[in-house]
PDB file of all heavy atoms in Angstrom:
ATOM      1  N   GLY A   1      99.733 112.994 110.172  1.00  0.00           N
ATOM      2  CA  GLY A   1     100.796 112.599 111.101  1.00  0.00           C
ATOM      3  C   GLY A   1     102.003 112.014 110.392  1.00  0.00           C
ATOM      4  O   GLY A   1     103.155 112.340 110.701  1.00  0.00           O
ATOM      5  N   VAL A   2     101.751 111.138 109.420  1.00  0.00           N
ATOM      6  CA  VAL A   2     102.857 110.538 108.658  1.00  0.00           C
ATOM      7  C   VAL A   2     103.551 111.614 107.813  1.00  0.00           C
ATOM      8  O   VAL A   2     104.782 111.667 107.768  1.00  0.00           O
ATOM      9  CB  VAL A   2     102.354 109.376 107.779  1.00  0.00           C
ATOM     10  CG1 VAL A   2     103.449 108.879 106.837  1.00  0.00           C
ATOM     11  CG2 VAL A   2     101.850 108.223 108.652  1.00  0.00           C
ATOM     12  N   ALA A   3     102.778 112.455 107.163  1.00  0.00           N
ATOM     13  CA  ALA A   3     103.371 113.507 106.338  1.00  0.00           C
ATOM     14  C   ALA A   3     104.185 114.488 107.179  1.00  0.00           C
ATOM     15  O   ALA A   3     105.247 114.963 106.769  1.00  0.00           O
ATOM     16  CB  ALA A   3     102.274 114.253 105.571  1.00  0.00           C
ATOM     17  N   TRP A   4     103.708 114.781 108.392  1.00  0.00           N
ATOM     18  CA  TRP A   4     104.432 115.676 109.280  1.00  0.00           C
ATOM     19  C   TRP A   4     105.778 115.060 109.666  1.00  0.00           C
ATOM     20  O   TRP A   4     106.807 115.740 109.632  1.00  0.00           O
ATOM     21  CB  TRP A   4     103.601 115.954 110.533  1.00  0.00           C
ATOM     22  CG  TRP A   4     104.238 116.937 111.455  1.00  0.00           C
ATOM     23  CD1 TRP A   4     105.149 116.695 112.426  1.00  0.00           C
ATOM     24  CD2 TRP A   4     104.040 118.353 111.462  1.00  0.00           C
ATOM     25  NE1 TRP A   4     105.521 117.849 113.056  1.00  0.00           N
ATOM     26  CE2 TRP A   4     104.843 118.878 112.477  1.00  0.00           C
ATOM     27  CE3 TRP A   4     103.235 119.197 110.714  1.00  0.00           C
ATOM     28  CZ2 TRP A   4     104.871 120.250 112.751  1.00  0.00           C
ATOM     29  CZ3 TRP A   4     103.267 120.546 111.002  1.00  0.00           C
ATOM     30  CH2 TRP A   4     104.082 121.044 112.012  1.00  0.00           C
ATOM     31  N   SER A   5     105.752 113.781 110.025  1.00  0.00           N
ATOM     32  CA  SER A   5     107.003 113.097 110.382  1.00  0.00           C
ATOM     33  C   SER A   5     107.952 113.043 109.197  1.00  0.00           C
ATOM     34  O   SER A   5     109.161 113.224 109.351  1.00  0.00           O
ATOM     35  CB  SER A   5     106.705 111.674 110.861  1.00  0.00           C
ATOM     36  OG  SER A   5     105.972 111.698 112.053  1.00  0.00           O
ATOM     37  N   GLU A   6     107.412 112.821 108.014  1.00  0.00           N
ATOM     38  CA  GLU A   6     108.236 112.791 106.804  1.00  0.00           C
ATOM     39  C   GLU A   6     108.795 114.175 106.494  1.00  0.00           C
ATOM     40  O   GLU A   6     109.948 114.320 106.067  1.00  0.00           O
ATOM     41  CB  GLU A   6     107.382 112.297 105.627  1.00  0.00           C
ATOM     42  CG  GLU A   6     108.113 112.136 104.336  1.00  0.00           C
ATOM     43  CD  GLU A   6     108.967 110.893 104.257  1.00  0.00           C
ATOM     44  OE1 GLU A   6     108.739 109.951 105.022  1.00  0.00           O
ATOM     45  OE2 GLU A   6     109.895 110.885 103.420  1.00  0.00           O
ATOM     46  N   GLY A   7     108.021 115.209 106.741  1.00  0.00           N
ATOM     47  CA  GLY A   7     108.453 116.576 106.468  1.00  0.00           C
ATOM     48  C   GLY A   7     109.537 117.075 107.410  1.00  0.00           C
ATOM     49  O   GLY A   7     110.294 117.984 107.075  1.00  0.00           O
ATOM     50  N   GLU A   8     109.610 116.502 108.615  1.00  0.00           N
ATOM     51  CA  GLU A   8     110.629 116.922 109.572  1.00  0.00           C
ATOM     52  C   GLU A   8     112.027 116.426 109.192  1.00  0.00           C
ATOM     53  O   GLU A   8     113.004 116.953 109.692  1.00  0.00           O
ATOM     54  CB  GLU A   8     110.280 116.404 110.971  1.00  0.00           C
ATOM     55  CG  GLU A   8     109.154 117.141 111.634  1.00  0.00           C
ATOM     56  CD  GLU A   8     108.911 116.636 113.041  1.00  0.00           C
ATOM     57  OE1 GLU A   8     109.068 115.430 113.295  1.00  0.00           O
ATOM     58  OE2 GLU A   8     108.578 117.464 113.890  1.00  0.00           O
ATOM     59  N   VAL A   9     112.111 115.420 108.345  1.00  0.00           N
ATOM     60  CA  VAL A   9     113.400 114.857 107.966  1.00  0.00           C
ATOM     61  C   VAL A   9     114.103 115.816 107.007  1.00  0.00           C
ATOM     62  O   VAL A   9     113.520 116.271 106.021  1.00  0.00           O
ATOM     63  CB  VAL A   9     113.208 113.485 107.297  1.00  0.00           C
ATOM     64  CG1 VAL A   9     114.546 112.924 106.834  1.00  0.00           C
ATOM     65  CG2 VAL A   9     112.519 112.533 108.244  1.00  0.00           C
ATOM     66  N   GLY A  10     115.349 116.128 107.288  1.00  0.00           N
ATOM     67  CA  GLY A  10     116.137 116.996 106.431  1.00  0.00           C
ATOM     68  C   GLY A  10     115.742 118.457 106.503  1.00  0.00           C
ATOM     69  O   GLY A  10     116.082 119.229 105.614  1.00  0.00           O
ATOM     70  N   ASP A  11     115.026 118.839 107.537  1.00  0.00           N
ATOM     71  CA  ASP A  11     114.571 120.218 107.669  1.00  0.00           C
ATOM     72  C   ASP A  11     115.361 120.917 108.776  1.00  0.00           C
ATOM     73  O   ASP A  11     114.870 121.120 109.863  1.00  0.00           O
ATOM     74  CB  ASP A  11     113.069 120.221 107.976  1.00  0.00           C
ATOM     75  CG  ASP A  11     112.479 121.625 107.940  1.00  0.00           C
ATOM     76  OD1 ASP A  11     113.018 122.472 107.194  1.00  0.00           O
ATOM     77  OD2 ASP A  11     111.495 121.851 108.654  1.00  0.00           O
ATOM     78  N   GLY A  12     116.583 121.250 108.479  1.00  0.00           N
ATOM     79  CA  GLY A  12     117.416 121.953 109.440  1.00  0.00           C
ATOM     80  C   GLY A  12     118.378 121.035 110.172  1.00  0.00           C
ATOM     81  O   GLY A  12     118.489 119.844 109.900  1.00  0.00           O
ATOM     82  N   ALA A  13     119.091 121.638 111.132  1.00  0.00           N
ATOM     83  CA  ALA A  13     120.071 120.891 111.913  1.00  0.00           C
ATOM     84  C   ALA A  13     119.372 119.870 112.790  1.00  0.00           C
ATOM     85  O   ALA A  13     118.249 120.068 113.260  1.00  0.00           O
ATOM     86  CB  ALA A  13     120.876 121.860 112.774  1.00  0.00           C
ATOM     87  N   ASP A  14     120.024 118.751 113.007  1.00  0.00           N
ATOM     88  CA  ASP A  14     119.534 117.678 113.873  1.00  0.00           C
ATOM     89  C   ASP A  14     118.177 117.131 113.401  1.00  0.00           C
ATOM     90  O   ASP A  14     117.301 116.847 114.191  1.00  0.00           O
ATOM     91  CB  ASP A  14     119.434 118.154 115.325  1.00  0.00           C
ATOM     92  CG  ASP A  14     119.298 116.996 116.306  1.00  0.00           C
ATOM     93  OD1 ASP A  14     119.930 115.944 116.056  1.00  0.00           O
ATOM     94  OD2 ASP A  14     118.554 117.136 117.283  1.00  0.00           O
ATOM     95  N   SER A  15     118.022 117.009 112.072  1.00  0.00           N
ATOM     96  CA  SER A  15     116.766 116.490 111.553  1.00  0.00           C
ATOM     97  C   SER A  15     116.915 115.132 110.872  1.00  0.00           C
ATOM     98  O   SER A  15     115.950 114.595 110.363  1.00  0.00           O
ATOM     99  CB  SER A  15     116.161 117.480 110.569  1.00  0.00           C
ATOM    100  OG  SER A  15     117.022 117.674 109.481  1.00  0.00           O
ATOM    101  N   THR A  16     118.143 114.601 110.872  1.00  0.00           N
ATOM    102  CA  THR A  16     118.377 113.289 110.284  1.00  0.00           C
ATOM    103  C   THR A  16     119.150 112.447 111.283  1.00  0.00           C
ATOM    104  O   THR A  16     120.146 112.929 111.805  1.00  0.00           O
ATOM    105  CB  THR A  16     119.179 113.398 108.968  1.00  0.00           C
ATOM    106  OG1 THR A  16     118.478 114.282 108.109  1.00  0.00           O
ATOM    107  CG2 THR A  16     119.351 112.079 108.302  1.00  0.00           C
ATOM    108  N   PRO A  17     118.766 111.250 111.575  1.00  0.00           N
ATOM    109  CA  PRO A  17     117.548 110.554 111.170  1.00  0.00           C
ATOM    110  C   PRO A  17     116.310 111.228 111.741  1.00  0.00           C
ATOM    111  O   PRO A  17     116.394 112.130 112.556  1.00  0.00           O
ATOM    112  CB  PRO A  17     117.708 109.147 111.719  1.00  0.00           C
ATOM    113  CG  PRO A  17     118.848 109.171 112.668  1.00  0.00           C
ATOM    114  CD  PRO A  17     119.584 110.435 112.461  1.00  0.00           C
ATOM    115  N   ALA A  18     115.177 110.762 111.306  1.00  0.00           N
ATOM    116  CA  ALA A  18     113.891 111.419 111.607  1.00  0.00           C
ATOM    117  C   ALA A  18     113.703 111.683 113.091  1.00  0.00           C
ATOM    118  O   ALA A  18     113.900 110.784 113.905  1.00  0.00           O
ATOM    119  CB  ALA A  18     112.761 110.543 111.100  1.00  0.00           C
ATOM    120  N   PRO A  19     113.319 112.907 113.454  1.00  0.00           N
ATOM    121  CA  PRO A  19     113.037 113.210 114.859  1.00  0.00           C
ATOM    122  C   PRO A  19     111.960 112.303 115.457  1.00  0.00           C
ATOM    123  O   PRO A  19     111.997 111.977 116.635  1.00  0.00           O
ATOM    124  CB  PRO A  19     112.582 114.662 114.837  1.00  0.00           C
ATOM    125  CG  PRO A  19     113.214 115.243 113.609  1.00  0.00           C
ATOM    126  CD  PRO A  19     113.244 114.109 112.630  1.00  0.00           C
ATOM    127  N   ALA A  20     110.999 111.881 114.629  1.00  0.00           N
ATOM    128  CA  ALA A  20     109.942 110.978 115.119  1.00  0.00           C
ATOM    129  C   ALA A  20     110.509 109.635 115.571  1.00  0.00           C
ATOM    130  O   ALA A  20     109.925 108.961 116.406  1.00  0.00           O
ATOM    131  CB  ALA A  20     108.895 110.751 114.040  1.00  0.00           C
ATOM    132  N   CYS A  21     111.674 109.270 115.044  1.00  0.00           N
ATOM    133  CA  CYS A  21     112.315 108.000 115.423  1.00  0.00           C
ATOM    134  C   CYS A  21     113.216 108.158 116.649  1.00  0.00           C
ATOM    135  O   CYS A  21     113.610 107.155 117.250  1.00  0.00           O
ATOM    136  CB  CYS A  21     113.157 107.459 114.265  1.00  0.00           C
ATOM    137  SG  CYS A  21     112.180 106.921 112.854  1.00  0.00           S
ATOM    138  N   ARG A  22     113.555 109.402 116.993  1.00  0.00           N
ATOM    139  CA  ARG A  22     114.473 109.615 118.105  1.00  0.00           C
ATOM    140  C   ARG A  22     113.811 110.141 119.363  1.00  0.00           C
ATOM    141  O   ARG A  22     114.183 109.770 120.473  1.00  0.00           O
ATOM    142  CB  ARG A  22     115.571 110.611 117.676  1.00  0.00           C
ATOM    143  CG  ARG A  22     116.490 110.060 116.618  1.00  0.00           C
ATOM    144  CD  ARG A  22     117.553 111.048 116.219  1.00  0.00           C
ATOM    145  NE  ARG A  22     116.967 112.103 115.388  1.00  0.00           N
ATOM    146  CZ  ARG A  22     117.088 113.412 115.612  1.00  0.00           C
ATOM    147  NH1 ARG A  22     117.793 113.847 116.624  1.00  0.00           N
ATOM    148  NH2 ARG A  22     116.546 114.284 114.813  1.00  0.00           N
ATOM    149  N   GLU A  23     112.823 111.002 119.211  1.00  0.00           N
ATOM    150  CA  GLU A  23     112.229 111.671 120.358  1.00  0.00           C
ATOM    151  C   GLU A  23     111.272 110.744 121.103  1.00  0.00           C
ATOM    152  O   GLU A  23     110.379 110.138 120.512  1.00  0.00           O
ATOM    153  CB  GLU A  23     111.489 112.924 119.899  1.00  0.00           C
ATOM    154  CG  GLU A  23     112.427 113.958 119.309  1.00  0.00           C
ATOM    155  CD  GLU A  23     111.685 115.095 118.620  1.00  0.00           C
ATOM    156  OE1 GLU A  23     110.452 115.072 118.553  1.00  0.00           O
ATOM    157  OE2 GLU A  23     112.388 115.997 118.136  1.00  0.00           O
ATOM    158  N   GLY A  24     111.477 110.629 122.406  1.00  0.00           N
ATOM    159  CA  GLY A  24     110.606 109.822 123.235  1.00  0.00           C
ATOM    160  C   GLY A  24     111.002 108.365 123.350  1.00  0.00           C
ATOM    161  O   GLY A  24     110.261 107.573 123.929  1.00  0.00           O
ATOM    162  N   PHE A  25     112.151 107.989 122.791  1.00  0.00           N
ATOM    163  CA  PHE A  25     112.614 106.612 122.856  1.00  0.00           C
ATOM    164  C   PHE A  25     113.861 106.515 123.725  1.00  0.00           C
ATOM    165  O   PHE A  25     114.645 107.463 123.816  1.00  0.00           O
ATOM    166  CB  PHE A  25     112.931 106.058 121.450  1.00  0.00           C
ATOM    167  CG  PHE A  25     111.722 105.881 120.588  1.00  0.00           C
ATOM    168  CD1 PHE A  25     111.374 106.830 119.644  1.00  0.00           C
ATOM    169  CD2 PHE A  25     110.915 104.767 120.725  1.00  0.00           C
ATOM    170  CE1 PHE A  25     110.267 106.678 118.848  1.00  0.00           C
ATOM    171  CE2 PHE A  25     109.794 104.580 119.929  1.00  0.00           C
ATOM    172  CZ  PHE A  25     109.463 105.559 119.001  1.00  0.00           C
ATOM    173  N   ALA A  26     114.028 105.368 124.331  1.00  0.00           N
ATOM    174  CA  ALA A  26     115.224 105.122 125.161  1.00  0.00           C
ATOM    175  C   ALA A  26     116.464 105.104 124.273  1.00  0.00           C
ATOM    176  O   ALA A  26     116.386 104.714 123.094  1.00  0.00           O
ATOM    177  CB  ALA A  26     115.074 103.799 125.900  1.00  0.00           C
ATOM    178  N   PRO A  27     117.634 105.482 124.822  1.00  0.00           N
ATOM    179  CA  PRO A  27     118.866 105.481 124.013  1.00  0.00           C
ATOM    180  C   PRO A  27     119.193 104.126 123.396  1.00  0.00           C
ATOM    181  O   PRO A  27     119.691 104.056 122.274  1.00  0.00           O
ATOM    182  CB  PRO A  27     119.945 105.915 125.012  1.00  0.00           C
ATOM    183  CG  PRO A  27     119.213 106.669 126.064  1.00  0.00           C
ATOM    184  CD  PRO A  27     117.868 106.033 126.145  1.00  0.00           C
ATOM    185  N   GLU A  28     118.910 103.032 124.105  1.00  0.00           N
ATOM    186  CA  GLU A  28     119.213 101.718 123.526  1.00  0.00           C
ATOM    187  C   GLU A  28     118.263 101.365 122.381  1.00  0.00           C
ATOM    188  O   GLU A  28     118.619 100.570 121.513  1.00  0.00           O
ATOM    189  CB  GLU A  28     119.177 100.616 124.602  1.00  0.00           C
ATOM    190  CG  GLU A  28     117.874 100.499 125.362  1.00  0.00           C
ATOM    191  CD  GLU A  28     117.818 101.392 126.604  1.00  0.00           C
ATOM    192  OE1 GLU A  28     118.779 102.116 126.903  1.00  0.00           O
ATOM    193  OE2 GLU A  28     116.777 101.339 127.278  1.00  0.00           O
ATOM    194  N   THR A  29     117.092 101.970 122.342  1.00  0.00           N
ATOM    195  CA  THR A  29     116.167 101.730 121.237  1.00  0.00           C
ATOM    196  C   THR A  29     116.651 102.394 119.961  1.00  0.00           C
ATOM    197  O   THR A  29     116.603 101.799 118.893  1.00  0.00           O
ATOM    198  CB  THR A  29     114.753 102.253 121.581  1.00  0.00           C
ATOM    199  OG1 THR A  29     114.307 101.632 122.779  1.00  0.00           O
ATOM    200  CG2 THR A  29     113.771 101.969 120.473  1.00  0.00           C
ATOM    201  N   ILE A  30     117.147 103.622 120.074  1.00  0.00           N
ATOM    202  CA  ILE A  30     117.561 104.360 118.873  1.00  0.00           C
ATOM    203  C   ILE A  30     119.013 104.116 118.494  1.00  0.00           C
ATOM    204  O   ILE A  30     119.476 104.658 117.495  1.00  0.00           O
ATOM    205  CB  ILE A  30     117.317 105.873 119.046  1.00  0.00           C
ATOM    206  CG1 ILE A  30     118.121 106.451 120.205  1.00  0.00           C
ATOM    207  CG2 ILE A  30     115.848 106.164 119.220  1.00  0.00           C
ATOM    208  CD1 ILE A  30     118.033 107.946 120.328  1.00  0.00           C
ATOM    209  N   GLU A  31     119.699 103.247 119.227  1.00  0.00           N
ATOM    210  CA  GLU A  31     121.090 102.949 118.920  1.00  0.00           C
ATOM    211  C   GLU A  31     121.182 102.279 117.553  1.00  0.00           C
ATOM    212  O   GLU A  31     120.488 101.345 117.246  1.00  0.00           O
ATOM    213  CB  GLU A  31     121.659 102.011 119.988  1.00  0.00           C
ATOM    214  CG  GLU A  31     123.145 101.776 119.836  1.00  0.00           C
ATOM    215  CD  GLU A  31     123.690 100.947 120.983  1.00  0.00           C
ATOM    216  OE1 GLU A  31     123.148 101.064 122.096  1.00  0.00           O
ATOM    217  OE2 GLU A  31     124.612 100.184 120.749  1.00  0.00           O
ATOM    218  N   GLY A  32     122.031 102.804 116.697  1.00  0.00           N
ATOM    219  CA  GLY A  32     122.235 102.260 115.360  1.00  0.00           C
ATOM    220  C   GLY A  32     121.180 102.678 114.350  1.00  0.00           C
ATOM    221  O   GLY A  32     121.085 102.108 113.264  1.00  0.00           O
ATOM    222  N   LEU A  33     120.406 103.697 114.672  1.00  0.00           N
ATOM    223  CA  LEU A  33     119.348 104.180 113.765  1.00  0.00           C
ATOM    224  C   LEU A  33     119.987 104.756 112.512  1.00  0.00           C
ATOM    225  O   LEU A  33     120.884 105.587 112.569  1.00  0.00           O
ATOM    226  CB  LEU A  33     118.518 105.240 114.481  1.00  0.00           C
ATOM    227  CG  LEU A  33     117.341 105.842 113.741  1.00  0.00           C
ATOM    228  CD1 LEU A  33     116.311 104.782 113.417  1.00  0.00           C
ATOM    229  CD2 LEU A  33     116.727 106.942 114.589  1.00  0.00           C
ATOM    230  N   THR A  34     119.534 104.317 111.336  1.00  0.00           N
ATOM    231  CA  THR A  34     120.119 104.804 110.091  1.00  0.00           C
ATOM    232  C   THR A  34     119.139 105.612 109.237  1.00  0.00           C
ATOM    233  O   THR A  34     119.489 106.651 108.702  1.00  0.00           O
ATOM    234  CB  THR A  34     120.630 103.628 109.224  1.00  0.00           C
ATOM    235  OG1 THR A  34     119.548 102.752 108.936  1.00  0.00           O
ATOM    236  CG2 THR A  34     121.745 102.890 109.919  1.00  0.00           C
ATOM    237  N   HIS A  35     117.906 105.127 109.096  1.00  0.00           N
ATOM    238  CA  HIS A  35     116.946 105.828 108.263  1.00  0.00           C
ATOM    239  C   HIS A  35     115.519 105.436 108.652  1.00  0.00           C
ATOM    240  O   HIS A  35     115.319 104.743 109.637  1.00  0.00           O
ATOM    241  CB  HIS A  35     117.204 105.544 106.766  1.00  0.00           C
ATOM    242  CG  HIS A  35     117.027 104.107 106.375  1.00  0.00           C
ATOM    243  ND1 HIS A  35     117.961 103.129 106.661  1.00  0.00           N
ATOM    244  CD2 HIS A  35     116.020 103.473 105.738  1.00  0.00           C
ATOM    245  CE1 HIS A  35     117.539 101.969 106.206  1.00  0.00           C
ATOM    246  NE2 HIS A  35     116.361 102.151 105.647  1.00  0.00           N
ATOM    247  N   HIS A  36     114.562 105.881 107.861  1.00  0.00           N
ATOM    248  CA  HIS A  36     113.156 105.583 108.126  1.00  0.00           C
ATOM    249  C   HIS A  36     112.476 105.152 106.838  1.00  0.00           C
ATOM    250  O   HIS A  36     113.012 105.332 105.734  1.00  0.00           O
ATOM    251  CB  HIS A  36     112.446 106.826 108.685  1.00  0.00           C
ATOM    252  CG  HIS A  36     112.267 107.888 107.668  1.00  0.00           C
ATOM    253  ND1 HIS A  36     113.282 108.772 107.346  1.00  0.00           N
ATOM    254  CD2 HIS A  36     111.233 108.199 106.854  1.00  0.00           C
ATOM    255  CE1 HIS A  36     112.865 109.578 106.401  1.00  0.00           C
ATOM    256  NE2 HIS A  36     111.627 109.255 106.085  1.00  0.00           N
ATOM    257  N   ARG A  37     111.285 104.583 106.980  1.00  0.00           N
ATOM    258  CA  ARG A  37     110.432 104.224 105.841  1.00  0.00           C
ATOM    259  C   ARG A  37     109.029 104.712 106.160  1.00  0.00           C
ATOM    260  O   ARG A  37     108.467 104.356 107.201  1.00  0.00           O
ATOM    261  CB  ARG A  37     110.390 102.713 105.621  1.00  0.00           C
ATOM    262  CG  ARG A  37     111.679 102.136 105.105  1.00  0.00           C
ATOM    263  CD  ARG A  37     111.491 100.675 104.736  1.00  0.00           C
ATOM    264  NE  ARG A  37     111.064  99.888 105.894  1.00  0.00           N
ATOM    265  CZ  ARG A  37     111.653  98.779 106.293  1.00  0.00           C
ATOM    266  NH1 ARG A  37     112.690  98.308 105.655  1.00  0.00           N
ATOM    267  NH2 ARG A  37     111.187  98.113 107.335  1.00  0.00           N
TER     268      ARG A  37
END
């Protein structure tokens, strides 16, 4: 699961920041998202 989320980053258009950090979250939660760890 972690490797899959890591692999989605930088893989095509709309892949940065990580889709795992954006999908399924409210807009106010992802506001100001810069990167992942």
